[in-house]
Amino acid sequence: MSIQSPCIDVCQMSEDKTVCVGCYRSLSEIANWSRLTDAEKIRVIAAAQKRRATLECQEYSDLIP
């Protein structure tokens, strides 16, 4: 099985420079992607999904007075 990169070609770092706002991976996760095992790629994708949910929740809560 080959795990595809979660990159969506929106390669821009977050304001705090910790993750890409397109795929929510860190620079090291992006740079090392091709060397990761499928199991490691699955873990990176899961972590990125969690980061996205957390950041979106924070952005939403910032809108609430």
Protein backbone atom coordinates (compact mmCIF):
# COMPACT_ATOMS: atom_id res chain seq x y z
CA MET A 1 0.00 0.00 0.00
CA SER A 2 1.26 3.48 -0.81
CA ILE A 3 0.01 6.39 1.28
CA GLN A 4 -0.46 9.57 -0.75
CA SER A 5 0.83 12.90 0.51
CA PRO A 6 -1.87 15.07 2.10
CA CYS A 7 -0.42 18.11 0.28
CA ILE A 8 -3.12 20.18 -1.45
CA ASP A 9 -0.69 22.66 -3.07
CA VAL A 10 -1.47 25.44 -0.60
CA CYS A 11 2.07 25.63 0.70
CA GLN A 12 2.02 28.45 3.23
CA MET A 13 3.16 28.33 6.82
CA SER A 14 0.91 29.39 9.69
CA GLU A 15 1.54 32.73 11.39
CA ASP A 16 3.58 31.02 14.10
CA LYS A 17 5.52 29.05 11.43
CA THR A 18 4.68 25.67 12.98
CA VAL A 19 2.52 24.04 10.29
CA CYS A 20 1.48 24.40 6.67
CA VAL A 21 -2.02 25.87 6.46
CA GLY A 22 -2.79 23.61 3.50
CA CYS A 23 -1.97 20.18 4.90
CA TYR A 24 -1.30 20.98 8.59
CA ARG A 25 2.01 19.14 8.60
CA SER A 26 5.16 20.51 10.21
CA LEU A 27 8.21 21.35 8.10
CA SER A 28 9.98 18.21 9.31
CA GLU A 29 6.95 16.05 8.45
CA ILE A 30 6.85 17.56 4.97
CA ALA A 31 10.60 17.23 4.42
CA ASN A 32 10.74 13.62 5.63
CA TRP A 33 7.52 12.39 3.98
CA SER A 34 9.20 10.33 1.28
CA ARG A 35 11.34 8.51 3.86
CA LEU A 36 8.48 7.57 6.20
CA THR A 37 6.97 4.11 6.37
CA ASP A 38 3.26 3.77 5.59
CA ALA A 39 2.53 3.41 9.31
CA GLU A 40 4.44 6.62 10.04
CA LYS A 41 2.60 8.42 7.23
CA ILE A 42 -0.72 7.35 8.72
CA ARG A 43 0.38 8.75 12.10
CA VAL A 44 1.45 12.04 10.48
CA ILE A 45 -1.89 12.33 8.68
CA ALA A 46 -3.78 11.66 11.93
CA ALA A 47 -1.70 14.26 13.77
CA ALA A 48 -2.28 16.78 10.96
CA GLN A 49 -6.04 16.18 11.08
CA LYS A 50 -6.00 16.75 14.83
CA ARG A 51 -3.99 19.97 14.38
CA ARG A 52 -6.45 21.20 11.76
CA ALA A 53 -9.44 20.54 14.01
CA THR A 54 -7.75 22.24 16.96
CA LEU A 55 -6.72 25.30 14.95
CA GLU A 56 -10.14 25.64 13.31
CA CYS A 57 -11.79 25.40 16.72
CA GLN A 58 -9.47 28.11 18.07
CA GLU A 59 -10.20 30.35 15.08
CA TYR A 60 -13.94 29.86 15.58
CA SER A 61 -13.75 30.58 19.31
CA ASP A 62 -11.86 33.81 18.53
CA LEU A 63 -14.96 35.00 16.65
CA ILE A 64 -17.24 34.56 19.65
CA PRO A 65 -17.44 37.71 21.83
